[in-house]
C-alpha atoms as a PDB file:
ATOM      1  CA  UNK A   1     100.050 108.633  99.684  1.00  0.00           C
ATOM      2  CA  UNK A   2     101.871 111.463  97.858  1.00  0.00           C
ATOM      3  CA  UNK A   3     101.537 111.474  94.107  1.00  0.00           C
ATOM      4  CA  UNK A   4     103.838 112.880  91.460  1.00  0.00           C
ATOM      5  CA  UNK A   5     103.069 115.684  90.815  1.00  0.00           C
ATOM      6  CA  UNK A   6     101.836 116.588  94.286  1.00  0.00           C
ATOM      7  CA  UNK A   7      98.176 117.563  94.349  1.00  0.00           C
ATOM      8  CA  UNK A   8      96.975 120.680  96.167  1.00  0.00           C
ATOM      9  CA  UNK A   9      95.237 118.561  98.833  1.00  0.00           C
ATOM     10  CA  UNK A  10      98.426 116.517  99.428  1.00  0.00           C
ATOM     11  CA  UNK A  11     100.432 119.728  99.721  1.00  0.00           C
ATOM     12  CA  UNK A  12      97.898 120.990 102.260  1.00  0.00           C
ATOM     13  CA  UNK A  13      98.355 117.839 104.372  1.00  0.00           C
ATOM     14  CA  UNK A  14     102.145 118.215 104.294  1.00  0.00           C
ATOM     15  CA  UNK A  15     101.825 121.872 105.348  1.00  0.00           C
ATOM     16  CA  UNK A  16      99.553 120.878 108.222  1.00  0.00           C
ATOM     17  CA  UNK A  17     102.042 118.195 109.315  1.00  0.00           C
ATOM     18  CA  UNK A  18     104.862 120.760 109.350  1.00  0.00           C
ATOM     19  CA  UNK A  19     102.769 123.194 111.389  1.00  0.00           C
ATOM     20  CA  UNK A  20     101.656 120.469 113.836  1.00  0.00           C
ATOM     21  CA  UNK A  21     105.246 119.217 114.188  1.00  0.00           C
ATOM     22  CA  UNK A  22     106.426 122.760 114.891  1.00  0.00           C
ATOM     23  CA  UNK A  23     109.381 122.983 117.264  1.00  0.00           C
ATOM     24  CA  UNK A  24     109.880 119.198 117.261  1.00  0.00           C
ATOM     25  CA  UNK A  25     111.608 119.536 113.896  1.00  0.00           C
ATOM     26  CA  UNK A  26     115.290 120.262 114.511  1.00  0.00           C
ATOM     27  CA  UNK A  27     116.627 118.998 111.167  1.00  0.00           C
ATOM     28  CA  UNK A  28     114.847 118.998 107.827  1.00  0.00           C
ATOM     29  CA  UNK A  29     114.895 115.182 107.848  1.00  0.00           C
ATOM     30  CA  UNK A  30     112.967 115.136 111.168  1.00  0.00           C
ATOM     31  CA  UNK A  31     109.795 115.768 109.194  1.00  0.00           C
ATOM     32  CA  UNK A  32     109.946 112.151 108.043  1.00  0.00           C
ATOM     33  CA  UNK A  33     109.459 110.926 111.617  1.00  0.00           C
ATOM     34  CA  UNK A  34     106.230 112.909 111.888  1.00  0.00           C
ATOM     35  CA  UNK A  35     104.970 112.673 108.312  1.00  0.00           C
ATOM     36  CA  UNK A  36     105.494 108.976 107.572  1.00  0.00           C
ATOM     37  CA  UNK A  37     102.839 107.633 109.972  1.00  0.00           C
ATOM     38  CA  UNK A  38     100.316 110.070 108.492  1.00  0.00           C
ATOM     39  CA  UNK A  39     101.231 109.691 104.822  1.00  0.00           C
ATOM     40  CA  UNK A  40     101.651 105.906 104.744  1.00  0.00           C
ATOM     41  CA  UNK A  41      98.266 104.312 104.196  1.00  0.00           C
ATOM     42  CA  UNK A  42      99.323 101.304 106.290  1.00  0.00           C
ATOM     43  CA  UNK A  43     101.557 102.412 109.150  1.00  0.00           C
ATOM     44  CA  UNK A  44     104.244 100.051 110.376  1.00  0.00           C
ATOM     45  CA  UNK A  45     103.292  99.017 113.905  1.00  0.00           C
ATOM     46  CA  UNK A  46     106.266  98.995 116.239  1.00  0.00           C
ATOM     47  CA  UNK A  47     105.987  95.866 118.418  1.00  0.00           C
ATOM     48  CA  UNK A  48     107.443  97.550 121.513  1.00  0.00           C
ATOM     49  CA  UNK A  49     105.073 100.501 121.167  1.00  0.00           C
ATOM     50  CA  UNK A  50     102.132  98.105 120.797  1.00  0.00           C
ATOM     51  CA  UNK A  51     103.134  96.144 123.877  1.00  0.00           C
ATOM     52  CA  UNK A  52     103.521  99.330 125.914  1.00  0.00           C
ATOM     53  CA  UNK A  53     100.232 100.790 124.663  1.00  0.00           C
ATOM     54  CA  UNK A  54      98.163  97.665 125.184  1.00  0.00           C
ATOM     55  CA  UNK A  55      99.638  96.347 128.432  1.00  0.00           C
ATOM     56  CA  UNK A  56      96.700  97.517 130.572  1.00  0.00           C
ATOM     57  CA  UNK A  57      93.858  95.036 130.864  1.00  0.00           C
ATOM     58  CA  UNK A  58      91.217  97.410 129.492  1.00  0.00           C
ATOM     59  CA  UNK A  59      93.202  98.941 126.598  1.00  0.00           C
ATOM     60  CA  UNK A  60      91.394  97.168 123.752  1.00  0.00           C
ATOM     61  CA  UNK A  61      88.002  97.876 125.313  1.00  0.00           C
ATOM     62  CA  UNK A  62      88.927 101.558 125.743  1.00  0.00           C
ATOM     63  CA  UNK A  63      90.081 101.876 122.121  1.00  0.00           C
ATOM     64  CA  UNK A  64      86.884 100.245 120.815  1.00  0.00           C
ATOM     65  CA  UNK A  65      84.755 102.596 122.924  1.00  0.00           C
ATOM     66  CA  UNK A  66      86.892 105.540 121.826  1.00  0.00           C
ATOM     67  CA  UNK A  67      86.295 104.663 118.168  1.00  0.00           C
ATOM     68  CA  UNK A  68      82.558 104.768 118.834  1.00  0.00           C
ATOM     69  CA  UNK A  69      82.974 108.156 120.504  1.00  0.00           C
ATOM     70  CA  UNK A  70      84.935 109.445 117.490  1.00  0.00           C
ATOM     71  CA  UNK A  71      81.978 108.682 115.230  1.00  0.00           C
ATOM     72  CA  UNK A  72      79.903 111.180 117.220  1.00  0.00           C
ATOM     73  CA  UNK A  73      82.489 113.987 117.325  1.00  0.00           C
ATOM     74  CA  UNK A  74      81.392 116.925 115.230  1.00  0.00           C
ATOM     75  CA  UNK A  75      83.086 118.845 113.860  1.00  0.00           C
ATOM     76  CA  UNK A  76      86.032 116.460 113.522  1.00  0.00           C
ATOM     77  CA  UNK A  77      88.692 118.968 114.540  1.00  0.00           C
ATOM     78  CA  UNK A  78      91.394 119.070 117.215  1.00  0.00           C
ATOM     79  CA  UNK A  79      89.559 121.270 119.768  1.00  0.00           C
ATOM     80  CA  UNK A  80      86.355 119.206 119.533  1.00  0.00           C
ATOM     81  CA  UNK A  81      88.298 115.935 119.733  1.00  0.00           C
ATOM     82  CA  UNK A  82      90.217 117.144 122.788  1.00  0.00           C
ATOM     83  CA  UNK A  83      87.016 118.134 124.612  1.00  0.00           C
ATOM     84  CA  UNK A  84      85.305 114.873 123.623  1.00  0.00           C
ATOM     85  CA  UNK A  85      88.322 112.860 124.778  1.00  0.00           C
ATOM     86  CA  UNK A  86      88.421 114.618 128.136  1.00  0.00           C
ATOM     87  CA  UNK A  87      84.707 113.885 128.608  1.00  0.00           C
ATOM     88  CA  UNK A  88      85.270 110.272 127.496  1.00  0.00           C
ATOM     89  CA  UNK A  89      88.038 109.807 130.077  1.00  0.00           C
ATOM     90  CA  UNK A  90      85.990 111.396 132.834  1.00  0.00           C
ATOM     91  CA  UNK A  91      82.968 109.233 131.986  1.00  0.00           C
ATOM     92  CA  UNK A  92      85.078 106.043 132.020  1.00  0.00           C
ATOM     93  CA  UNK A  93      87.099 107.197 135.043  1.00  0.00           C
ATOM     94  CA  UNK A  94      90.415 106.688 133.248  1.00  0.00           C
ATOM     95  CA  UNK A  95      93.493 108.818 132.741  1.00  0.00           C
ATOM     96  CA  UNK A  96      94.068 110.458 129.369  1.00  0.00           C
ATOM     97  CA  UNK A  97      97.161 108.339 128.688  1.00  0.00           C
ATOM     98  CA  UNK A  98      95.108 105.152 129.089  1.00  0.00           C
ATOM     99  CA  UNK A  99      93.355 105.983 125.831  1.00  0.00           C
ATOM    100  CA  UNK A 100      95.757 108.419 124.191  1.00  0.00           C
ATOM    101  CA  UNK A 101      98.679 106.012 123.876  1.00  0.00           C
ATOM    102  CA  UNK A 102      96.761 102.989 122.528  1.00  0.00           C
ATOM    103  CA  UNK A 103      94.868 105.196 120.066  1.00  0.00           C
ATOM    104  CA  UNK A 104      98.082 106.879 118.882  1.00  0.00           C
ATOM    105  CA  UNK A 105      99.791 103.525 118.358  1.00  0.00           C
ATOM    106  CA  UNK A 106      96.696 102.167 116.600  1.00  0.00           C
ATOM    107  CA  UNK A 107      96.519 105.007 114.093  1.00  0.00           C
ATOM    108  CA  UNK A 108     100.221 105.755 113.569  1.00  0.00           C
ATOM    109  CA  UNK A 109     102.010 102.566 114.590  1.00  0.00           C
ATOM    110  CA  UNK A 110     104.288 104.457 116.971  1.00  0.00           C
ATOM    111  CA  UNK A 111     104.197 106.097 120.370  1.00  0.00           C
ATOM    112  CA  UNK A 112     105.906 109.232 119.039  1.00  0.00           C
ATOM    113  CA  UNK A 113     104.439 112.128 117.140  1.00  0.00           C
ATOM    114  CA  UNK A 114     102.809 115.468 117.487  1.00  0.00           C
ATOM    115  CA  UNK A 115      99.500 116.008 119.267  1.00  0.00           C
ATOM    116  CA  UNK A 116      96.989 113.177 119.100  1.00  0.00           C
ATOM    117  CA  UNK A 117      94.080 115.476 118.356  1.00  0.00           C
ATOM    118  CA  UNK A 118      95.905 117.153 115.459  1.00  0.00           C
ATOM    119  CA  UNK A 119      96.834 113.694 114.162  1.00  0.00           C
ATOM    120  CA  UNK A 120      93.217 112.534 114.325  1.00  0.00           C
ATOM    121  CA  UNK A 121      92.057 115.669 112.533  1.00  0.00           C
ATOM    122  CA  UNK A 122      94.692 115.286 109.807  1.00  0.00           C
ATOM    123  CA  UNK A 123      93.705 111.685 109.145  1.00  0.00           C
ATOM    124  CA  UNK A 124      89.968 112.293 109.271  1.00  0.00           C
ATOM    125  CA  UNK A 125      87.260 110.149 110.808  1.00  0.00           C
ATOM    126  CA  UNK A 126      87.081 107.450 108.133  1.00  0.00           C
ATOM    127  CA  UNK A 127      90.835 106.862 108.074  1.00  0.00           C
ATOM    128  CA  UNK A 128      91.073 106.877 111.887  1.00  0.00           C
ATOM    129  CA  UNK A 129      88.332 104.265 112.194  1.00  0.00           C
ATOM    130  CA  UNK A 130      89.914 102.134 109.460  1.00  0.00           C
ATOM    131  CA  UNK A 131      93.328 102.249 111.134  1.00  0.00           C
ATOM    132  CA  UNK A 132      91.933 101.504 114.589  1.00  0.00           C
ATOM    133  CA  UNK A 133      90.030  98.521 113.189  1.00  0.00           C
ATOM    134  CA  UNK A 134      93.106  97.216 111.379  1.00  0.00           C
ATOM    135  CA  UNK A 135      95.299  97.654 114.455  1.00  0.00           C
ATOM    136  CA  UNK A 136      92.885  95.792 116.705  1.00  0.00           C
ATOM    137  CA  UNK A 137      92.553  92.966 114.164  1.00  0.00           C
ATOM    138  CA  UNK A 138      96.314  92.618 113.764  1.00  0.00           C
ATOM    139  CA  UNK A 139      97.294  93.225 117.386  1.00  0.00           C
ATOM    140  CA  UNK A 140      99.362  90.228 118.497  1.00  0.00           C
ATOM    141  CA  UNK A 141      96.863  89.145 121.121  1.00  0.00           C
ATOM    142  CA  UNK A 142      93.783  91.407 121.397  1.00  0.00           C
ATOM    143  CA  UNK A 143      91.695  88.718 123.114  1.00  0.00           C
ATOM    144  CA  UNK A 144      94.037  88.661 126.103  1.00  0.00           C
ATOM    145  CA  UNK A 145      92.392  91.884 127.227  1.00  0.00           C
END
């Protein structure tokens, strides 16, 4: 997703990743752990992370409903997404992690990374919805939920 030469918008995304990663970066190479899931157009989905994220019976249903909620979030920024997610969890009577983990794994392929809401904002609505759709279609067994 990074061209040669780097465009100003790509450089902006990399800067935002560095800021969002903040104190998590101990070595220069640590940025790759946080940047790769954002910069790769098709994230590699870690099988163990998927299993962990989707082990609850209602995980797929929650992620589908969350995607619908994302479409209504405006503006599509971290503070708005956090407030909308908290309301979503309260409305569905679920804990934050019951949606946060499956959504994170769906959009990044991993259960590690910086804040979910910053990640969603960085990717943007269209990319988040595309990645969630792809993850649910390729999940090893989405119908089991």
